[in-house]
Amino acid sequence: QNAQWTRSITVDNVTGKIISSTEWVSNKGSYDGVKTPVVSGYHADRAQVEGPSVTMEDQEATVTYVPNGKIIPVDPTGNPIPDVPTPQYPT
């Protein structure tokens, strides 16, 4: 997302020197929140990245994805049963 920054500068037409200038002003106070994309087979550490306050610096947010867990069938003693399907939990 982008923000537009503006300010006014008054320049002396004879000398070319800046006489005065105003502070930079942004056209918005904060960026919009962004929903985290769904990636099949993975879950994210957050559902949405909240919109931070607008500054003149570039801003970046990181979303971490982790593979979804699997169902592991076990016998009555808790040992995994060999050669049976281990379906992954849905996203």
PDB file of N, CA and C in Angstrom:
ATOM      1  N   GLN A   1       0.843  -1.170   0.000  1.00  0.00           N
ATOM      2  CA  GLN A   1       0.000   0.000   0.000  1.00  0.00           C
ATOM      3  C   GLN A   1       0.889   1.234   0.000  1.00  0.00           C
ATOM      4  N   ASN A   2       0.338   2.306  -0.459  1.00  0.00           N
ATOM      5  CA  ASN A   2       1.090   3.552  -0.541  1.00  0.00           C
ATOM      6  C   ASN A   2       0.353   4.678   0.161  1.00  0.00           C
ATOM      7  N   ALA A   3       1.087   5.668   0.589  1.00  0.00           N
ATOM      8  CA  ALA A   3       0.533   6.905   1.118  1.00  0.00           C
ATOM      9  C   ALA A   3       1.164   8.045   0.338  1.00  0.00           C
ATOM     10  N   GLN A   4       0.419   9.112   0.139  1.00  0.00           N
ATOM     11  CA  GLN A   4       0.942  10.281  -0.563  1.00  0.00           C
ATOM     12  C   GLN A   4       1.312  11.342   0.467  1.00  0.00           C
ATOM     13  N   TRP A   5       2.500  11.885   0.307  1.00  0.00           N
ATOM     14  CA  TRP A   5       3.008  12.918   1.227  1.00  0.00           C
ATOM     15  C   TRP A   5       3.130  14.222   0.456  1.00  0.00           C
ATOM     16  N   THR A   6       2.680  15.313   1.084  1.00  0.00           N
ATOM     17  CA  THR A   6       2.760  16.631   0.446  1.00  0.00           C
ATOM     18  C   THR A   6       3.251  17.668   1.446  1.00  0.00           C
ATOM     19  N   ARG A   7       3.784  18.763   0.930  1.00  0.00           N
ATOM     20  CA  ARG A   7       4.138  19.934   1.723  1.00  0.00           C
ATOM     21  C   ARG A   7       4.255  21.119   0.776  1.00  0.00           C
ATOM     22  N   SER A   8       4.198  22.309   1.321  1.00  0.00           N
ATOM     23  CA  SER A   8       4.314  23.533   0.519  1.00  0.00           C
ATOM     24  C   SER A   8       5.674  24.170   0.782  1.00  0.00           C
ATOM     25  N   ILE A   9       6.284  24.636  -0.299  1.00  0.00           N
ATOM     26  CA  ILE A   9       7.572  25.320  -0.193  1.00  0.00           C
ATOM     27  C   ILE A   9       7.446  26.668  -0.905  1.00  0.00           C
ATOM     28  N   THR A  10       7.906  27.728  -0.246  1.00  0.00           N
ATOM     29  CA  THR A  10       7.923  29.063  -0.845  1.00  0.00           C
ATOM     30  C   THR A  10       9.375  29.381  -1.200  1.00  0.00           C
ATOM     31  N   VAL A  11       9.586  29.724  -2.483  1.00  0.00           N
ATOM     32  CA  VAL A  11      10.936  29.991  -2.980  1.00  0.00           C
ATOM     33  C   VAL A  11      11.026  31.441  -3.456  1.00  0.00           C
ATOM     34  N   ASP A  12      12.117  32.113  -3.114  1.00  0.00           N
ATOM     35  CA  ASP A  12      12.382  33.480  -3.582  1.00  0.00           C
ATOM     36  C   ASP A  12      12.755  33.382  -5.057  1.00  0.00           C
ATOM     37  N   ASN A  13      11.950  34.019  -5.930  1.00  0.00           N
ATOM     38  CA  ASN A  13      12.187  33.935  -7.377  1.00  0.00           C
ATOM     39  C   ASN A  13      13.487  34.601  -7.807  1.00  0.00           C
ATOM     40  N   VAL A  14      13.988  35.538  -7.036  1.00  0.00           N
ATOM     41  CA  VAL A  14      15.220  36.242  -7.393  1.00  0.00           C
ATOM     42  C   VAL A  14      16.448  35.419  -7.006  1.00  0.00           C
ATOM     43  N   THR A  15      16.480  34.969  -5.751  1.00  0.00           N
ATOM     44  CA  THR A  15      17.670  34.261  -5.271  1.00  0.00           C
ATOM     45  C   THR A  15      17.567  32.741  -5.425  1.00  0.00           C
ATOM     46  N   GLY A  16      16.351  32.224  -5.569  1.00  0.00           N
ATOM     47  CA  GLY A  16      16.162  30.780  -5.666  1.00  0.00           C
ATOM     48  C   GLY A  16      16.229  30.071  -4.329  1.00  0.00           C
ATOM     49  N   LYS A  17      16.349  30.833  -3.242  1.00  0.00           N
ATOM     50  CA  LYS A  17      16.435  30.231  -1.914  1.00  0.00           C
ATOM     51  C   LYS A  17      15.039  29.946  -1.360  1.00  0.00           C
ATOM     52  N   ILE A  18      14.983  28.911  -0.543  1.00  0.00           N
ATOM     53  CA  ILE A  18      13.726  28.566   0.105  1.00  0.00           C
ATOM     54  C   ILE A  18      13.478  29.550   1.238  1.00  0.00           C
ATOM     55  N   ILE A  19      12.309  30.174   1.208  1.00  0.00           N
ATOM     56  CA  ILE A  19      11.927  31.140   2.234  1.00  0.00           C
ATOM     57  C   ILE A  19      11.232  30.421   3.396  1.00  0.00           C
ATOM     58  N   SER A  20      10.340  29.496   3.060  1.00  0.00           N
ATOM     59  CA  SER A  20       9.629  28.748   4.098  1.00  0.00           C
ATOM     60  C   SER A  20       9.113  27.434   3.522  1.00  0.00           C
ATOM     61  N   SER A  21       8.823  26.529   4.430  1.00  0.00           N
ATOM     62  CA  SER A  21       8.211  25.266   4.004  1.00  0.00           C
ATOM     63  C   SER A  21       7.361  24.734   5.151  1.00  0.00           C
ATOM     64  N   THR A  22       6.348  23.969   4.803  1.00  0.00           N
ATOM     65  CA  THR A  22       5.488  23.358   5.812  1.00  0.00           C
ATOM     66  C   THR A  22       5.988  21.942   6.100  1.00  0.00           C
ATOM     67  N   GLU A  23       5.444  21.345   7.161  1.00  0.00           N
ATOM     68  CA  GLU A  23       5.778  19.949   7.487  1.00  0.00           C
ATOM     69  C   GLU A  23       5.149  19.020   6.456  1.00  0.00           C
ATOM     70  N   TRP A  24       5.732  17.852   6.294  1.00  0.00           N
ATOM     71  CA  TRP A  24       5.152  16.833   5.433  1.00  0.00           C
ATOM     72  C   TRP A  24       3.838  16.354   6.046  1.00  0.00           C
ATOM     73  N   VAL A  25       2.820  16.138   5.209  1.00  0.00           N
ATOM     74  CA  VAL A  25       1.506  15.659   5.657  1.00  0.00           C
ATOM     75  C   VAL A  25       1.097  14.487   4.770  1.00  0.00           C
ATOM     76  N   SER A  26       0.638  13.415   5.409  1.00  0.00           N
ATOM     77  CA  SER A  26       0.195  12.221   4.679  1.00  0.00           C
ATOM     78  C   SER A  26      -1.294  12.319   4.370  1.00  0.00           C
ATOM     79  N   ASN A  27      -1.717  11.635   3.308  1.00  0.00           N
ATOM     80  CA  ASN A  27      -3.138  11.645   2.951  1.00  0.00           C
ATOM     81  C   ASN A  27      -3.957  10.640   3.767  1.00  0.00           C
ATOM     82  N   LYS A  28      -3.306   9.862   4.651  1.00  0.00           N
ATOM     83  CA  LYS A  28      -4.038   8.955   5.543  1.00  0.00           C
ATOM     84  C   LYS A  28      -3.202   8.691   6.782  1.00  0.00           C
ATOM     85  N   GLY A  29      -3.876   8.272   7.866  1.00  0.00           N
ATOM     86  CA  GLY A  29      -3.194   8.071   9.143  1.00  0.00           C
ATOM     87  C   GLY A  29      -2.657   6.665   9.340  1.00  0.00           C
ATOM     88  N   SER A  30      -3.316   5.671   8.703  1.00  0.00           N
ATOM     89  CA  SER A  30      -2.842   4.291   8.848  1.00  0.00           C
ATOM     90  C   SER A  30      -3.175   3.510   7.588  1.00  0.00           C
ATOM     91  N   TYR A  31      -2.466   2.411   7.406  1.00  0.00           N
ATOM     92  CA  TYR A  31      -2.708   1.537   6.272  1.00  0.00           C
ATOM     93  C   TYR A  31      -3.854   0.583   6.601  1.00  0.00           C
ATOM     94  N   ASP A  32      -4.483   0.027   5.584  1.00  0.00           N
ATOM     95  CA  ASP A  32      -5.558  -0.945   5.773  1.00  0.00           C
ATOM     96  C   ASP A  32      -4.982  -2.270   6.251  1.00  0.00           C
ATOM     97  N   GLY A  33      -5.759  -3.005   7.054  1.00  0.00           N
ATOM     98  CA  GLY A  33      -5.363  -4.354   7.434  1.00  0.00           C
ATOM     99  C   GLY A  33      -5.434  -5.269   6.213  1.00  0.00           C
ATOM    100  N   VAL A  34      -4.627  -6.324   6.222  1.00  0.00           N
ATOM    101  CA  VAL A  34      -4.584  -7.257   5.095  1.00  0.00           C
ATOM    102  C   VAL A  34      -4.825  -8.666   5.619  1.00  0.00           C
ATOM    103  N   LYS A  35      -5.827  -9.359   5.047  1.00  0.00           N
ATOM    104  CA  LYS A  35      -6.102 -10.731   5.451  1.00  0.00           C
ATOM    105  C   LYS A  35      -4.958 -11.634   4.984  1.00  0.00           C
ATOM    106  N   THR A  36      -4.590 -12.574   5.821  1.00  0.00           N
ATOM    107  CA  THR A  36      -3.531 -13.514   5.482  1.00  0.00           C
ATOM    108  C   THR A  36      -4.052 -14.515   4.451  1.00  0.00           C
ATOM    109  N   PRO A  37      -3.333 -14.727   3.345  1.00  0.00           N
ATOM    110  CA  PRO A  37      -3.789 -15.702   2.354  1.00  0.00           C
ATOM    111  C   PRO A  37      -3.792 -17.123   2.932  1.00  0.00           C
ATOM    112  N   VAL A  38      -4.784 -17.917   2.518  1.00  0.00           N
ATOM    113  CA  VAL A  38      -4.857 -19.317   2.933  1.00  0.00           C
ATOM    114  C   VAL A  38      -3.942 -20.120   2.020  1.00  0.00           C
ATOM    115  N   VAL A  39      -3.095 -20.959   2.620  1.00  0.00           N
ATOM    116  CA  VAL A  39      -2.211 -21.855   1.875  1.00  0.00           C
ATOM    117  C   VAL A  39      -2.597 -23.271   2.278  1.00  0.00           C
ATOM    118  N   SER A  40      -3.063 -24.049   1.329  1.00  0.00           N
ATOM    119  CA  SER A  40      -3.536 -25.398   1.615  1.00  0.00           C
ATOM    120  C   SER A  40      -2.444 -26.239   2.274  1.00  0.00           C
ATOM    121  N   GLY A  41      -2.815 -26.918   3.363  1.00  0.00           N
ATOM    122  CA  GLY A  41      -1.870 -27.775   4.070  1.00  0.00           C
ATOM    123  C   GLY A  41      -1.054 -27.058   5.139  1.00  0.00           C
ATOM    124  N   TYR A  42      -1.268 -25.742   5.308  1.00  0.00           N
ATOM    125  CA  TYR A  42      -0.503 -24.954   6.278  1.00  0.00           C
ATOM    126  C   TYR A  42      -1.444 -24.064   7.078  1.00  0.00           C
ATOM    127  N   HIS A  43      -1.009 -23.645   8.254  1.00  0.00           N
ATOM    128  CA  HIS A  43      -1.738 -22.638   9.014  1.00  0.00           C
ATOM    129  C   HIS A  43      -0.780 -21.502   9.362  1.00  0.00           C
ATOM    130  N   ALA A  44      -1.351 -20.295   9.429  1.00  0.00           N
ATOM    131  CA  ALA A  44      -0.550 -19.085   9.665  1.00  0.00           C
ATOM    132  C   ALA A  44      -0.602 -18.693  11.130  1.00  0.00           C
ATOM    133  N   ASP A  45       0.393 -17.920  11.544  1.00  0.00           N
ATOM    134  CA  ASP A  45       0.445 -17.482  12.939  1.00  0.00           C
ATOM    135  C   ASP A  45      -0.520 -16.336  13.241  1.00  0.00           C
ATOM    136  N   ARG A  46      -1.154 -15.773  12.200  1.00  0.00           N
ATOM    137  CA  ARG A  46      -2.182 -14.754  12.411  1.00  0.00           C
ATOM    138  C   ARG A  46      -3.099 -14.697  11.191  1.00  0.00           C
ATOM    139  N   ALA A  47      -4.359 -14.372  11.434  1.00  0.00           N
ATOM    140  CA  ALA A  47      -5.362 -14.350  10.365  1.00  0.00           C
ATOM    141  C   ALA A  47      -5.300 -13.067   9.541  1.00  0.00           C
ATOM    142  N   GLN A  48      -4.765 -12.012  10.141  1.00  0.00           N
ATOM    143  CA  GLN A  48      -4.713 -10.725   9.460  1.00  0.00           C
ATOM    144  C   GLN A  48      -3.540  -9.916   9.978  1.00  0.00           C
ATOM    145  N   VAL A  49      -2.951  -9.138   9.084  1.00  0.00           N
ATOM    146  CA  VAL A  49      -1.919  -8.179   9.482  1.00  0.00           C
ATOM    147  C   VAL A  49      -2.634  -6.847   9.651  1.00  0.00           C
ATOM    148  N   GLU A  50      -2.609  -6.327  10.868  1.00  0.00           N
ATOM    149  CA  GLU A  50      -3.281  -5.053  11.144  1.00  0.00           C
ATOM    150  C   GLU A  50      -2.522  -3.913  10.467  1.00  0.00           C
ATOM    151  N   GLY A  51      -3.269  -2.902  10.037  1.00  0.00           N
ATOM    152  CA  GLY A  51      -2.669  -1.767   9.355  1.00  0.00           C
ATOM    153  C   GLY A  51      -1.903  -0.872  10.315  1.00  0.00           C
ATOM    154  N   PRO A  52      -0.591  -0.733  10.119  1.00  0.00           N
ATOM    155  CA  PRO A  52       0.193   0.129  11.003  1.00  0.00           C
ATOM    156  C   PRO A  52      -0.020   1.603  10.669  1.00  0.00           C
ATOM    157  N   SER A  53       0.424   2.466  11.550  1.00  0.00           N
ATOM    158  CA  SER A  53       0.379   3.908  11.296  1.00  0.00           C
ATOM    159  C   SER A  53       1.296   4.239  10.126  1.00  0.00           C
ATOM    160  N   VAL A  54       0.912   5.235   9.363  1.00  0.00           N
ATOM    161  CA  VAL A  54       1.691   5.655   8.201  1.00  0.00           C
ATOM    162  C   VAL A  54       2.929   6.409   8.675  1.00  0.00           C
ATOM    163  N   THR A  55       4.084   6.018   8.135  1.00  0.00           N
ATOM    164  CA  THR A  55       5.337   6.735   8.352  1.00  0.00           C
ATOM    165  C   THR A  55       6.023   6.873   7.000  1.00  0.00           C
ATOM    166  N   MET A  56       7.093   7.629   6.948  1.00  0.00           N
ATOM    167  CA  MET A  56       7.814   7.800   5.686  1.00  0.00           C
ATOM    168  C   MET A  56       8.733   6.623   5.364  1.00  0.00           C
ATOM    169  N   GLU A  57       8.912   5.713   6.311  1.00  0.00           N
ATOM    170  CA  GLU A  57       9.779   4.560   6.086  1.00  0.00           C
ATOM    171  C   GLU A  57       8.977   3.412   5.463  1.00  0.00           C
ATOM    172  N   ASP A  58       9.665   2.556   4.711  1.00  0.00           N
ATOM    173  CA  ASP A  58       9.045   1.335   4.211  1.00  0.00           C
ATOM    174  C   ASP A  58       8.669   0.471   5.404  1.00  0.00           C
ATOM    175  N   GLN A  59       7.534  -0.216   5.311  1.00  0.00           N
ATOM    176  CA  GLN A  59       7.096  -1.086   6.387  1.00  0.00           C
ATOM    177  C   GLN A  59       6.859  -2.477   5.837  1.00  0.00           C
ATOM    178  N   GLU A  60       7.126  -3.450   6.662  1.00  0.00           N
ATOM    179  CA  GLU A  60       7.035  -4.840   6.244  1.00  0.00           C
ATOM    180  C   GLU A  60       6.448  -5.654   7.392  1.00  0.00           C
ATOM    181  N   ALA A  61       5.673  -6.667   7.059  1.00  0.00           N
ATOM    182  CA  ALA A  61       5.118  -7.563   8.073  1.00  0.00           C
ATOM    183  C   ALA A  61       5.378  -8.993   7.629  1.00  0.00           C
ATOM    184  N   THR A  62       5.689  -9.853   8.574  1.00  0.00           N
ATOM    185  CA  THR A  62       5.974 -11.254   8.270  1.00  0.00           C
ATOM    186  C   THR A  62       4.874 -12.135   8.841  1.00  0.00           C
ATOM    187  N   VAL A  63       4.383 -13.050   8.015  1.00  0.00           N
ATOM    188  CA  VAL A  63       3.427 -14.065   8.447  1.00  0.00           C
ATOM    189  C   VAL A  63       4.140 -15.401   8.333  1.00  0.00           C
ATOM    190  N   THR A  64       4.123 -16.181   9.408  1.00  0.00           N
ATOM    191  CA  THR A  64       4.805 -17.467   9.422  1.00  0.00           C
ATOM    192  C   THR A  64       3.787 -18.588   9.231  1.00  0.00           C
ATOM    193  N   TYR A  65       4.053 -19.465   8.258  1.00  0.00           N
ATOM    194  CA  TYR A  65       3.201 -20.617   7.988  1.00  0.00           C
ATOM    195  C   TYR A  65       3.891 -21.871   8.516  1.00  0.00           C
ATOM    196  N   VAL A  66       3.084 -22.776   9.096  1.00  0.00           N
ATOM    197  CA  VAL A  66       3.581 -24.038   9.623  1.00  0.00           C
ATOM    198  C   VAL A  66       2.712 -25.147   9.034  1.00  0.00           C
ATOM    199  N   PRO A  67       3.318 -26.285   8.640  1.00  0.00           N
ATOM    200  CA  PRO A  67       2.500 -27.374   8.095  1.00  0.00           C
ATOM    201  C   PRO A  67       1.455 -27.838   9.114  1.00  0.00           C
ATOM    202  N   ASN A  68       0.258 -28.164   8.616  1.00  0.00           N
ATOM    203  CA  ASN A  68      -0.789 -28.697   9.484  1.00  0.00           C
ATOM    204  C   ASN A  68      -0.359 -30.058  10.017  1.00  0.00           C
ATOM    205  N   GLY A  69      -0.844 -30.402  11.197  1.00  0.00           N
ATOM    206  CA  GLY A  69      -0.533 -31.689  11.805  1.00  0.00           C
ATOM    207  C   GLY A  69      -1.257 -32.832  11.113  1.00  0.00           C
ATOM    208  N   LYS A  70      -0.917 -34.050  11.502  1.00  0.00           N
ATOM    209  CA  LYS A  70      -1.530 -35.247  10.926  1.00  0.00           C
ATOM    210  C   LYS A  70      -2.114 -36.103  12.039  1.00  0.00           C
ATOM    211  N   ILE A  71      -3.112 -36.876  11.663  1.00  0.00           N
ATOM    212  CA  ILE A  71      -3.663 -37.867  12.573  1.00  0.00           C
ATOM    213  C   ILE A  71      -2.743 -39.086  12.504  1.00  0.00           C
ATOM    214  N   ILE A  72      -2.243 -39.522  13.653  1.00  0.00           N
ATOM    215  CA  ILE A  72      -1.361 -40.689  13.695  1.00  0.00           C
ATOM    216  C   ILE A  72      -2.065 -41.774  14.511  1.00  0.00           C
ATOM    217  N   PRO A  73      -2.607 -42.788  13.821  1.00  0.00           N
ATOM    218  CA  PRO A  73      -3.271 -43.878  14.539  1.00  0.00           C
ATOM    219  C   PRO A  73      -2.264 -44.656  15.402  1.00  0.00           C
ATOM    220  N   VAL A  74      -2.683 -44.961  16.628  1.00  0.00           N
ATOM    221  CA  VAL A  74      -1.825 -45.721  17.539  1.00  0.00           C
ATOM    222  C   VAL A  74      -2.594 -46.925  18.085  1.00  0.00           C
ATOM    223  N   ASP A  75      -1.844 -47.918  18.530  1.00  0.00           N
ATOM    224  CA  ASP A  75      -2.468 -49.089  19.155  1.00  0.00           C
ATOM    225  C   ASP A  75      -2.772 -48.764  20.620  1.00  0.00           C
ATOM    226  N   PRO A  76      -3.422 -49.676  21.346  1.00  0.00           N
ATOM    227  CA  PRO A  76      -3.789 -49.392  22.741  1.00  0.00           C
ATOM    228  C   PRO A  76      -2.612 -49.048  23.653  1.00  0.00           C
ATOM    229  N   THR A  77      -1.389 -49.402  23.260  1.00  0.00           N
ATOM    230  CA  THR A  77      -0.234 -49.074  24.097  1.00  0.00           C
ATOM    231  C   THR A  77       0.423 -47.757  23.679  1.00  0.00           C
ATOM    232  N   GLY A  78      -0.137 -47.088  22.649  1.00  0.00           N
ATOM    233  CA  GLY A  78       0.388 -45.789  22.217  1.00  0.00           C
ATOM    234  C   GLY A  78       1.426 -45.854  21.121  1.00  0.00           C
ATOM    235  N   ASN A  79       1.665 -47.025  20.562  1.00  0.00           N
ATOM    236  CA  ASN A  79       2.639 -47.155  19.477  1.00  0.00           C
ATOM    237  C   ASN A  79       1.960 -46.892  18.136  1.00  0.00           C
ATOM    238  N   PRO A  80       2.614 -46.116  17.244  1.00  0.00           N
ATOM    239  CA  PRO A  80       2.027 -45.877  15.917  1.00  0.00           C
ATOM    240  C   PRO A  80       1.797 -47.191  15.175  1.00  0.00           C
ATOM    241  N   ILE A  81       0.650 -47.264  14.505  1.00  0.00           N
ATOM    242  CA  ILE A  81       0.315 -48.453  13.712  1.00  0.00           C
ATOM    243  C   ILE A  81       0.962 -48.288  12.345  1.00  0.00           C
ATOM    244  N   PRO A  82       1.808 -49.236  11.927  1.00  0.00           N
ATOM    245  CA  PRO A  82       2.492 -49.103  10.635  1.00  0.00           C
ATOM    246  C   PRO A  82       1.543 -49.311   9.457  1.00  0.00           C
ATOM    247  N   ASP A  83       1.889 -48.664   8.354  1.00  0.00           N
ATOM    248  CA  ASP A  83       1.212 -48.830   7.065  1.00  0.00           C
ATOM    249  C   ASP A  83      -0.269 -48.486   7.084  1.00  0.00           C
ATOM    250  N   VAL A  84      -0.683 -47.512   7.889  1.00  0.00           N
ATOM    251  CA  VAL A  84      -2.063 -47.015   7.841  1.00  0.00           C
ATOM    252  C   VAL A  84      -2.021 -45.547   7.427  1.00  0.00           C
ATOM    253  N   PRO A  85      -3.088 -45.073   6.812  1.00  0.00           N
ATOM    254  CA  PRO A  85      -3.089 -43.671   6.391  1.00  0.00           C
ATOM    255  C   PRO A  85      -2.926 -42.714   7.584  1.00  0.00           C
ATOM    256  N   THR A  86      -2.217 -41.606   7.334  1.00  0.00           N
ATOM    257  CA  THR A  86      -2.062 -40.546   8.347  1.00  0.00           C
ATOM    258  C   THR A  86      -2.553 -39.252   7.720  1.00  0.00           C
ATOM    259  N   PRO A  87      -3.889 -39.070   7.682  1.00  0.00           N
ATOM    260  CA  PRO A  87      -4.441 -37.883   7.007  1.00  0.00           C
ATOM    261  C   PRO A  87      -4.041 -36.596   7.719  1.00  0.00           C
ATOM    262  N   GLN A  88      -3.814 -35.572   6.894  1.00  0.00           N
ATOM    263  CA  GLN A  88      -3.447 -34.261   7.421  1.00  0.00           C
ATOM    264  C   GLN A  88      -4.714 -33.494   7.785  1.00  0.00           C
ATOM    265  N   TYR A  89      -4.643 -32.730   8.883  1.00  0.00           N
ATOM    266  CA  TYR A  89      -5.764 -31.874   9.264  1.00  0.00           C
ATOM    267  C   TYR A  89      -5.988 -30.845   8.163  1.00  0.00           C
ATOM    268  N   PRO A  90      -7.270 -30.493   7.897  1.00  0.00           N
ATOM    269  CA  PRO A  90      -7.533 -29.491   6.852  1.00  0.00           C
ATOM    270  C   PRO A  90      -7.095 -28.091   7.291  1.00  0.00           C
ATOM    271  N   THR A  91      -6.870 -27.249   6.303  1.00  0.00           N
ATOM    272  CA  THR A  91      -6.475 -25.865   6.580  1.00  0.00           C
ATOM    273  C   THR A  91      -7.680 -25.092   7.039  1.00  0.00           C
TER     274      THR A  91
END
